[in-house]
Amino acid sequence: MADRTFGMGGNALIFNIGNIQIRNMAIETNPVDGLVAFIFFVLLAFLQLRYPDNPTPFHLHPNTIWLSILSFLLYCFFTFSSKLNFGIKVNHFQTLKRVFASLSLLCLLVLLLPDTWKCFSFLIYILWFMIWFIIHVLPAIKTHFMEARVQRPYMRRVLPPLLPITSMDFN
């Protein structure tokens, strides 16, 4: 009954076809992002070869695996966020991407170490943290203090107000 009200016969078949045109946009890709993703999945394949039977690395080293996965997901988040066009320009996405990518790959590399080297894994994490601190944090602190020193002579003293002070200004 409803078909007849819209002017269609009982056996009519309608296809909704939409013609969608997508403009060919040049997508800027970073070869380092592709390399990090490739290395991550290659290291996961090597982990499957290193631990072929039970217990798996998820059972033996759950904290290291979770740290690797979460840092890789954060790397993916910052990679995606850096491609979006926000109203604010954030310069720290590249640094955060590098930190989380290296941490994720380092966690997987530590799991691939021989059993005799497991005592050095904590030392490897400390070295990684020190290197990232020296490379990124110290130059940022140095730049901040240099900018503050340059701006200090140009700071103007506070001028008195142009209008007379009234009792309402003290509240």
N, C-alpha and C. Protein backbone atom coordinates (compact mmCIF):
# COMPACT_ATOMS: atom_id res chain seq x y z
N MET A 1 0.81 -1.17 0.00
CA MET A 1 0.00 0.00 0.00
C MET A 1 0.86 1.25 0.00
N ALA A 2 1.91 1.22 0.78
CA ALA A 2 2.79 2.39 0.85
C ALA A 2 3.53 2.58 -0.46
N ASP A 3 3.83 1.47 -1.16
CA ASP A 3 4.53 1.60 -2.43
C ASP A 3 3.67 2.30 -3.47
N ARG A 4 2.42 2.04 -3.46
CA ARG A 4 1.53 2.65 -4.45
C ARG A 4 1.34 4.15 -4.17
N THR A 5 1.43 4.55 -2.94
CA THR A 5 1.23 5.97 -2.66
C THR A 5 2.39 6.81 -3.18
N PHE A 6 3.57 6.22 -3.29
CA PHE A 6 4.72 6.96 -3.80
C PHE A 6 4.89 6.77 -5.31
N GLY A 7 3.93 6.15 -5.96
CA GLY A 7 3.96 6.02 -7.40
C GLY A 7 4.80 4.85 -7.88
N MET A 8 5.09 3.90 -7.03
CA MET A 8 5.89 2.75 -7.44
C MET A 8 5.00 1.53 -7.51
N GLY A 9 5.36 0.65 -8.40
CA GLY A 9 4.63 -0.60 -8.49
C GLY A 9 5.12 -1.55 -7.42
N GLY A 10 4.52 -2.69 -7.35
CA GLY A 10 4.86 -3.67 -6.33
C GLY A 10 6.25 -4.24 -6.50
N ASN A 11 6.77 -4.34 -7.74
CA ASN A 11 8.07 -4.95 -7.97
C ASN A 11 9.17 -3.93 -8.27
N ALA A 12 8.95 -2.69 -8.02
CA ALA A 12 9.95 -1.66 -8.34
C ALA A 12 11.10 -1.73 -7.34
N LEU A 13 12.29 -1.46 -7.83
CA LEU A 13 13.50 -1.50 -7.02
C LEU A 13 14.26 -0.21 -7.22
N ILE A 14 14.61 0.46 -6.15
CA ILE A 14 15.29 1.74 -6.25
C ILE A 14 16.67 1.62 -5.63
N PHE A 15 17.68 2.12 -6.34
CA PHE A 15 19.04 2.17 -5.82
C PHE A 15 19.39 3.63 -5.54
N ASN A 16 19.86 3.89 -4.37
CA ASN A 16 20.34 5.23 -4.05
C ASN A 16 21.82 5.28 -4.42
N ILE A 17 22.10 6.01 -5.46
CA ILE A 17 23.47 6.11 -5.93
C ILE A 17 23.93 7.54 -5.74
N GLY A 18 24.99 7.71 -5.03
CA GLY A 18 25.54 9.04 -4.84
C GLY A 18 26.86 9.16 -5.56
N ASN A 19 27.04 10.26 -6.22
CA ASN A 19 28.29 10.51 -6.93
C ASN A 19 29.14 11.40 -6.03
N ILE A 20 30.15 10.84 -5.45
CA ILE A 20 31.01 11.58 -4.53
C ILE A 20 32.34 11.81 -5.21
N GLN A 21 32.72 13.05 -5.30
CA GLN A 21 34.00 13.40 -5.88
C GLN A 21 34.94 13.83 -4.77
N ILE A 22 36.04 13.19 -4.71
CA ILE A 22 37.04 13.52 -3.70
C ILE A 22 38.18 14.22 -4.41
N ARG A 23 38.51 15.37 -3.92
CA ARG A 23 39.58 16.14 -4.51
C ARG A 23 40.91 15.48 -4.18
N ASN A 24 41.74 15.35 -5.18
CA ASN A 24 43.06 14.77 -4.96
C ASN A 24 43.92 15.79 -4.22
N MET A 25 44.20 15.48 -2.98
CA MET A 25 45.00 16.38 -2.17
C MET A 25 46.37 15.75 -1.97
N ALA A 26 47.36 16.58 -1.99
CA ALA A 26 48.70 16.10 -1.71
C ALA A 26 48.83 15.89 -0.21
N ILE A 27 49.10 14.67 0.17
CA ILE A 27 49.24 14.33 1.59
C ILE A 27 50.72 14.27 1.89
N GLU A 28 51.11 15.08 2.84
CA GLU A 28 52.52 15.10 3.22
C GLU A 28 52.78 13.94 4.16
N THR A 29 53.65 13.06 3.74
CA THR A 29 53.99 11.91 4.58
C THR A 29 55.43 12.02 5.02
N ASN A 30 55.66 11.61 6.22
CA ASN A 30 56.99 11.63 6.79
C ASN A 30 57.56 10.22 6.68
N PRO A 31 58.69 10.03 6.02
CA PRO A 31 59.23 8.68 5.89
C PRO A 31 59.62 8.07 7.23
N VAL A 32 59.91 8.89 8.22
CA VAL A 32 60.27 8.36 9.54
C VAL A 32 59.07 7.68 10.18
N ASP A 33 57.87 8.23 9.98
CA ASP A 33 56.67 7.61 10.53
C ASP A 33 56.45 6.22 9.95
N GLY A 34 56.63 6.08 8.66
CA GLY A 34 56.51 4.77 8.04
C GLY A 34 57.57 3.80 8.52
N LEU A 35 58.78 4.30 8.73
CA LEU A 35 59.87 3.46 9.21
C LEU A 35 59.62 2.99 10.64
N VAL A 36 59.10 3.87 11.49
CA VAL A 36 58.81 3.48 12.88
C VAL A 36 57.73 2.41 12.91
N ALA A 37 56.68 2.58 12.14
CA ALA A 37 55.61 1.58 12.10
C ALA A 37 56.15 0.24 11.57
N PHE A 38 56.98 0.28 10.55
CA PHE A 38 57.55 -0.95 10.00
C PHE A 38 58.43 -1.65 11.04
N ILE A 39 59.30 -0.90 11.70
CA ILE A 39 60.19 -1.49 12.70
C ILE A 39 59.39 -2.06 13.86
N PHE A 40 58.32 -1.37 14.28
CA PHE A 40 57.50 -1.87 15.38
C PHE A 40 56.93 -3.24 15.07
N PHE A 41 56.37 -3.40 13.88
CA PHE A 41 55.74 -4.68 13.54
C PHE A 41 56.78 -5.75 13.22
N VAL A 42 57.94 -5.37 12.74
CA VAL A 42 59.02 -6.34 12.55
C VAL A 42 59.51 -6.85 13.91
N LEU A 43 59.65 -5.95 14.87
CA LEU A 43 60.06 -6.38 16.21
C LEU A 43 59.02 -7.27 16.87
N LEU A 44 57.74 -6.99 16.62
CA LEU A 44 56.69 -7.89 17.13
C LEU A 44 56.81 -9.28 16.50
N ALA A 45 57.14 -9.33 15.22
CA ALA A 45 57.33 -10.64 14.57
C ALA A 45 58.54 -11.37 15.16
N PHE A 46 59.62 -10.64 15.43
CA PHE A 46 60.78 -11.26 16.07
C PHE A 46 60.46 -11.73 17.48
N LEU A 47 59.58 -11.03 18.17
CA LEU A 47 59.16 -11.49 19.50
C LEU A 47 58.41 -12.82 19.40
N GLN A 48 57.61 -12.96 18.37
CA GLN A 48 56.91 -14.24 18.19
C GLN A 48 57.89 -15.36 17.90
N LEU A 49 58.99 -15.05 17.21
CA LEU A 49 60.01 -16.07 16.96
C LEU A 49 60.81 -16.37 18.22
N ARG A 50 61.06 -15.35 19.03
CA ARG A 50 61.85 -15.54 20.25
C ARG A 50 61.07 -16.34 21.30
N TYR A 51 59.77 -16.11 21.39
CA TYR A 51 58.92 -16.82 22.35
C TYR A 51 57.87 -17.62 21.59
N PRO A 52 58.25 -18.73 20.96
CA PRO A 52 57.29 -19.46 20.11
C PRO A 52 56.22 -20.20 20.91
N ASP A 53 56.55 -20.66 22.08
CA ASP A 53 55.60 -21.45 22.87
C ASP A 53 55.18 -20.67 24.11
N ASN A 54 54.31 -21.29 24.85
CA ASN A 54 53.94 -20.69 26.13
C ASN A 54 55.10 -20.79 27.09
N PRO A 55 55.35 -19.85 27.90
CA PRO A 55 54.67 -18.59 28.12
C PRO A 55 55.10 -17.54 27.09
N THR A 56 54.17 -16.75 26.69
CA THR A 56 54.42 -15.68 25.72
C THR A 56 55.02 -14.48 26.44
N PRO A 57 55.54 -13.50 25.69
CA PRO A 57 56.07 -12.30 26.36
C PRO A 57 54.99 -11.52 27.11
N PHE A 58 53.72 -11.71 26.72
CA PHE A 58 52.64 -11.06 27.46
C PHE A 58 52.51 -11.65 28.86
N HIS A 59 52.85 -12.91 29.00
CA HIS A 59 52.81 -13.53 30.33
C HIS A 59 54.10 -13.28 31.11
N LEU A 60 55.23 -13.30 30.42
CA LEU A 60 56.51 -13.13 31.11
C LEU A 60 56.80 -11.68 31.49
N HIS A 61 56.53 -10.76 30.59
CA HIS A 61 56.85 -9.34 30.80
C HIS A 61 55.63 -8.47 30.48
N PRO A 62 54.57 -8.56 31.26
CA PRO A 62 53.36 -7.81 30.90
C PRO A 62 53.56 -6.29 30.99
N ASN A 63 54.32 -5.82 31.96
CA ASN A 63 54.50 -4.37 32.10
C ASN A 63 55.27 -3.78 30.92
N THR A 64 56.28 -4.48 30.47
CA THR A 64 57.08 -3.99 29.34
C THR A 64 56.25 -3.98 28.06
N ILE A 65 55.46 -5.02 27.86
CA ILE A 65 54.61 -5.08 26.67
C ILE A 65 53.55 -3.97 26.71
N TRP A 66 52.92 -3.78 27.86
CA TRP A 66 51.92 -2.72 27.96
C TRP A 66 52.54 -1.34 27.76
N LEU A 67 53.73 -1.13 28.31
CA LEU A 67 54.41 0.14 28.11
C LEU A 67 54.72 0.36 26.63
N SER A 68 55.14 -0.68 25.95
CA SER A 68 55.43 -0.58 24.53
C SER A 68 54.17 -0.27 23.72
N ILE A 69 53.10 -0.96 24.00
CA ILE A 69 51.86 -0.75 23.26
C ILE A 69 51.28 0.63 23.53
N LEU A 70 51.25 1.03 24.79
CA LEU A 70 50.70 2.35 25.12
C LEU A 70 51.55 3.47 24.55
N SER A 71 52.86 3.33 24.58
CA SER A 71 53.70 4.38 24.01
C SER A 71 53.55 4.41 22.49
N PHE A 72 53.34 3.26 21.85
CA PHE A 72 53.10 3.25 20.40
C PHE A 72 51.76 3.91 20.07
N LEU A 73 50.74 3.66 20.90
CA LEU A 73 49.45 4.31 20.68
C LEU A 73 49.55 5.82 20.88
N LEU A 74 50.33 6.25 21.86
CA LEU A 74 50.54 7.69 22.04
C LEU A 74 51.31 8.28 20.87
N TYR A 75 52.27 7.52 20.37
CA TYR A 75 52.99 7.96 19.16
C TYR A 75 52.01 8.14 18.00
N CYS A 76 51.12 7.17 17.82
CA CYS A 76 50.13 7.27 16.74
C CYS A 76 49.20 8.46 16.97
N PHE A 77 48.80 8.70 18.21
CA PHE A 77 47.94 9.84 18.52
C PHE A 77 48.62 11.15 18.17
N PHE A 78 49.88 11.32 18.56
CA PHE A 78 50.58 12.57 18.28
C PHE A 78 50.89 12.71 16.79
N THR A 79 51.10 11.60 16.10
CA THR A 79 51.29 11.67 14.66
C THR A 79 50.01 12.14 13.98
N PHE A 80 48.88 11.58 14.39
CA PHE A 80 47.60 11.99 13.83
C PHE A 80 47.27 13.43 14.20
N SER A 81 47.52 13.81 15.45
CA SER A 81 47.21 15.16 15.90
C SER A 81 48.07 16.21 15.21
N SER A 82 49.30 15.86 14.88
CA SER A 82 50.15 16.83 14.21
C SER A 82 49.69 17.07 12.77
N LYS A 83 48.96 16.14 12.18
CA LYS A 83 48.45 16.32 10.82
C LYS A 83 47.19 17.17 10.79
N LEU A 84 46.47 17.25 11.92
CA LEU A 84 45.25 18.05 11.96
C LEU A 84 45.60 19.52 12.00
N ASN A 85 44.69 20.32 11.55
CA ASN A 85 44.93 21.76 11.50
C ASN A 85 44.12 22.41 12.62
N PHE A 86 44.73 22.55 13.79
CA PHE A 86 44.09 23.24 14.89
C PHE A 86 44.35 24.72 14.76
N GLY A 87 43.60 25.51 15.49
CA GLY A 87 43.82 26.94 15.48
C GLY A 87 45.13 27.31 16.16
N ILE A 88 45.63 26.42 17.00
CA ILE A 88 46.86 26.67 17.75
C ILE A 88 47.96 25.83 17.12
N LYS A 89 49.11 26.40 16.94
CA LYS A 89 50.24 25.64 16.43
C LYS A 89 51.02 25.08 17.61
N VAL A 90 51.15 23.77 17.66
CA VAL A 90 51.85 23.12 18.75
C VAL A 90 53.17 22.59 18.20
N ASN A 91 54.26 23.08 18.75
CA ASN A 91 55.57 22.69 18.26
C ASN A 91 56.12 21.45 18.94
N HIS A 92 55.48 20.99 19.98
CA HIS A 92 56.03 19.88 20.75
C HIS A 92 55.58 18.52 20.25
N PHE A 93 54.73 18.47 19.22
CA PHE A 93 54.26 17.18 18.73
C PHE A 93 55.42 16.35 18.18
N GLN A 94 56.35 16.97 17.48
CA GLN A 94 57.48 16.22 16.91
C GLN A 94 58.32 15.61 18.02
N THR A 95 58.57 16.38 19.07
CA THR A 95 59.37 15.86 20.18
C THR A 95 58.64 14.72 20.88
N LEU A 96 57.35 14.89 21.14
CA LEU A 96 56.59 13.83 21.79
C LEU A 96 56.50 12.59 20.92
N LYS A 97 56.36 12.79 19.62
CA LYS A 97 56.34 11.64 18.72
C LYS A 97 57.64 10.85 18.82
N ARG A 98 58.76 11.55 18.80
CA ARG A 98 60.05 10.86 18.86
C ARG A 98 60.26 10.16 20.19
N VAL A 99 59.84 10.79 21.27
CA VAL A 99 60.00 10.17 22.60
C VAL A 99 59.20 8.89 22.69
N PHE A 100 57.93 8.94 22.31
CA PHE A 100 57.09 7.75 22.44
C PHE A 100 57.45 6.67 21.43
N ALA A 101 57.88 7.05 20.23
CA ALA A 101 58.31 6.04 19.26
C ALA A 101 59.56 5.33 19.75
N SER A 102 60.52 6.08 20.25
CA SER A 102 61.76 5.44 20.71
C SER A 102 61.51 4.59 21.94
N LEU A 103 60.62 5.04 22.85
CA LEU A 103 60.32 4.24 24.03
C LEU A 103 59.64 2.93 23.64
N SER A 104 58.72 2.98 22.70
CA SER A 104 58.03 1.77 22.27
C SER A 104 59.00 0.77 21.63
N LEU A 105 59.86 1.26 20.75
CA LEU A 105 60.82 0.37 20.11
C LEU A 105 61.85 -0.14 21.09
N LEU A 106 62.24 0.68 22.06
CA LEU A 106 63.21 0.26 23.06
C LEU A 106 62.64 -0.85 23.93
N CYS A 107 61.37 -0.76 24.29
CA CYS A 107 60.74 -1.82 25.09
C CYS A 107 60.77 -3.16 24.35
N LEU A 108 60.48 -3.12 23.07
CA LEU A 108 60.50 -4.37 22.30
C LEU A 108 61.93 -4.89 22.14
N LEU A 109 62.89 -3.98 21.98
CA LEU A 109 64.28 -4.42 21.86
C LEU A 109 64.79 -5.04 23.15
N VAL A 110 64.36 -4.51 24.29
CA VAL A 110 64.78 -5.08 25.57
C VAL A 110 64.25 -6.50 25.71
N LEU A 111 63.06 -6.76 25.21
CA LEU A 111 62.51 -8.12 25.27
C LEU A 111 63.26 -9.09 24.36
N LEU A 112 63.91 -8.57 23.34
CA LEU A 112 64.65 -9.43 22.43
C LEU A 112 66.07 -9.73 22.91
N LEU A 113 66.50 -9.07 23.98
CA LEU A 113 67.84 -9.33 24.50
C LEU A 113 67.94 -10.76 25.03
N PRO A 114 69.13 -11.32 24.98
CA PRO A 114 69.29 -12.66 25.57
C PRO A 114 69.02 -12.62 27.08
N ASP A 115 68.74 -13.79 27.62
CA ASP A 115 68.40 -13.87 29.05
C ASP A 115 69.55 -13.43 29.95
N THR A 116 70.78 -13.56 29.47
CA THR A 116 71.92 -13.16 30.29
C THR A 116 72.04 -11.64 30.39
N TRP A 117 71.39 -10.90 29.50
CA TRP A 117 71.49 -9.44 29.50
C TRP A 117 70.31 -8.77 30.19
N LYS A 118 69.43 -9.54 30.80
CA LYS A 118 68.23 -8.96 31.41
C LYS A 118 68.57 -8.01 32.55
N CYS A 119 69.71 -8.19 33.18
CA CYS A 119 70.11 -7.30 34.27
C CYS A 119 70.46 -5.90 33.74
N PHE A 120 70.75 -5.77 32.46
CA PHE A 120 71.09 -4.47 31.88
C PHE A 120 69.87 -3.69 31.38
N SER A 121 68.71 -4.29 31.43
CA SER A 121 67.53 -3.61 30.87
C SER A 121 67.22 -2.32 31.63
N PHE A 122 67.35 -2.35 32.95
CA PHE A 122 67.11 -1.13 33.72
C PHE A 122 68.13 -0.05 33.36
N LEU A 123 69.37 -0.45 33.15
CA LEU A 123 70.42 0.49 32.75
C LEU A 123 70.12 1.08 31.37
N ILE A 124 69.57 0.29 30.48
CA ILE A 124 69.21 0.76 29.14
C ILE A 124 68.12 1.82 29.23
N TYR A 125 67.12 1.61 30.07
CA TYR A 125 66.06 2.61 30.24
C TYR A 125 66.61 3.91 30.82
N ILE A 126 67.51 3.81 31.77
CA ILE A 126 68.11 5.01 32.37
C ILE A 126 68.93 5.77 31.33
N LEU A 127 69.70 5.06 30.52
CA LEU A 127 70.46 5.72 29.46
C LEU A 127 69.53 6.39 28.45
N TRP A 128 68.45 5.72 28.10
CA TRP A 128 67.48 6.32 27.17
C TRP A 128 66.93 7.61 27.74
N PHE A 129 66.54 7.59 29.03
CA PHE A 129 65.99 8.78 29.65
C PHE A 129 67.02 9.91 29.70
N MET A 130 68.25 9.60 30.02
CA MET A 130 69.30 10.62 30.10
C MET A 130 69.57 11.23 28.73
N ILE A 131 69.60 10.41 27.71
CA ILE A 131 69.86 10.92 26.36
C ILE A 131 68.74 11.86 25.92
N TRP A 132 67.48 11.47 26.14
CA TRP A 132 66.37 12.33 25.76
C TRP A 132 66.35 13.61 26.60
N PHE A 133 66.74 13.51 27.85
CA PHE A 133 66.80 14.70 28.69
C PHE A 133 67.85 15.67 28.18
N ILE A 134 69.02 15.14 27.82
CA ILE A 134 70.11 15.99 27.34
C ILE A 134 69.76 16.60 25.98
N ILE A 135 69.15 15.82 25.11
CA ILE A 135 68.87 16.29 23.75
C ILE A 135 67.73 17.29 23.71
N HIS A 136 66.67 17.10 24.50
CA HIS A 136 65.47 17.92 24.36
C HIS A 136 65.22 18.87 25.52
N VAL A 137 65.39 18.43 26.74
CA VAL A 137 65.00 19.27 27.87
C VAL A 137 66.04 20.35 28.14
N LEU A 138 67.30 20.00 28.16
CA LEU A 138 68.33 21.00 28.43
C LEU A 138 68.38 22.12 27.40
N PRO A 139 68.29 21.84 26.10
CA PRO A 139 68.23 22.96 25.14
C PRO A 139 66.99 23.83 25.32
N ALA A 140 65.86 23.23 25.70
CA ALA A 140 64.65 24.03 25.92
C ALA A 140 64.84 24.96 27.12
N ILE A 141 65.46 24.47 28.18
CA ILE A 141 65.73 25.31 29.35
C ILE A 141 66.71 26.42 28.98
N LYS A 142 67.74 26.06 28.24
CA LYS A 142 68.73 27.05 27.83
C LYS A 142 68.08 28.14 26.97
N THR A 143 67.22 27.74 26.03
CA THR A 143 66.54 28.71 25.17
C THR A 143 65.64 29.62 25.99
N HIS A 144 64.96 29.04 26.97
CA HIS A 144 64.07 29.85 27.81
C HIS A 144 64.85 30.92 28.56
N PHE A 145 65.98 30.55 29.16
CA PHE A 145 66.76 31.53 29.91
C PHE A 145 67.41 32.56 28.99
N MET A 146 67.80 32.14 27.79
CA MET A 146 68.38 33.11 26.85
C MET A 146 67.32 34.11 26.41
N GLU A 147 66.11 33.66 26.15
CA GLU A 147 65.04 34.58 25.76
C GLU A 147 64.71 35.52 26.90
N ALA A 148 64.69 35.02 28.12
CA ALA A 148 64.40 35.88 29.27
C ALA A 148 65.49 36.92 29.45
N ARG A 149 66.75 36.55 29.22
CA ARG A 149 67.86 37.49 29.37
C ARG A 149 67.82 38.55 28.29
N VAL A 150 67.44 38.18 27.07
CA VAL A 150 67.36 39.15 25.97
C VAL A 150 66.20 40.11 26.19
N GLN A 151 65.09 39.63 26.72
CA GLN A 151 63.92 40.49 26.90
C GLN A 151 64.03 41.40 28.11
N ARG A 152 64.90 41.08 29.06
CA ARG A 152 65.00 41.86 30.28
C ARG A 152 65.35 43.33 30.04
N PRO A 153 66.32 43.69 29.21
CA PRO A 153 66.60 45.12 29.02
C PRO A 153 65.46 45.88 28.35
N TYR A 154 64.64 45.19 27.60
CA TYR A 154 63.58 45.86 26.87
C TYR A 154 62.29 45.98 27.67
N MET A 155 62.27 45.43 28.87
CA MET A 155 61.07 45.53 29.69
C MET A 155 60.92 46.98 30.15
N ARG A 156 59.76 47.51 29.96
CA ARG A 156 59.52 48.89 30.37
C ARG A 156 59.03 48.93 31.80
N ARG A 157 59.33 50.03 32.44
CA ARG A 157 58.82 50.16 33.80
C ARG A 157 57.33 50.49 33.72
N VAL A 158 56.64 50.23 34.79
CA VAL A 158 55.20 50.45 34.82
C VAL A 158 54.94 51.94 34.92
N LEU A 159 54.14 52.44 34.02
CA LEU A 159 53.79 53.85 34.01
C LEU A 159 52.59 54.10 34.91
N PRO A 160 52.55 55.26 35.52
CA PRO A 160 51.38 55.56 36.34
C PRO A 160 50.15 55.71 35.45
N PRO A 161 48.98 55.46 36.00
CA PRO A 161 47.76 55.59 35.17
C PRO A 161 47.54 57.02 34.72
N LEU A 162 46.93 57.15 33.57
CA LEU A 162 46.68 58.47 33.02
C LEU A 162 45.57 59.21 33.76
N LEU A 163 44.61 58.47 34.25
CA LEU A 163 43.50 59.09 34.96
C LEU A 163 43.84 59.17 36.44
N PRO A 164 43.26 60.10 37.15
CA PRO A 164 43.55 60.20 38.59
C PRO A 164 43.01 58.99 39.34
N ILE A 165 43.68 58.66 40.41
CA ILE A 165 43.28 57.51 41.23
C ILE A 165 42.08 57.93 42.07
N THR A 166 41.08 57.09 42.08
CA THR A 166 39.89 57.34 42.88
C THR A 166 39.76 56.25 43.93
N SER A 167 38.77 56.39 44.77
CA SER A 167 38.58 55.40 45.83
C SER A 167 38.17 54.05 45.26
N MET A 168 37.58 54.03 44.06
CA MET A 168 37.17 52.76 43.46
C MET A 168 38.37 51.96 42.96
N ASP A 169 39.49 52.61 42.71
CA ASP A 169 40.67 51.89 42.25
C ASP A 169 41.30 51.05 43.35
N PHE A 170 41.03 51.39 44.60
CA PHE A 170 41.63 50.65 45.71
C PHE A 170 40.88 49.37 46.02
N ASN A 171 39.68 49.14 45.50
CA ASN A 171 38.90 47.95 45.80
C ASN A 171 39.33 46.81 44.96
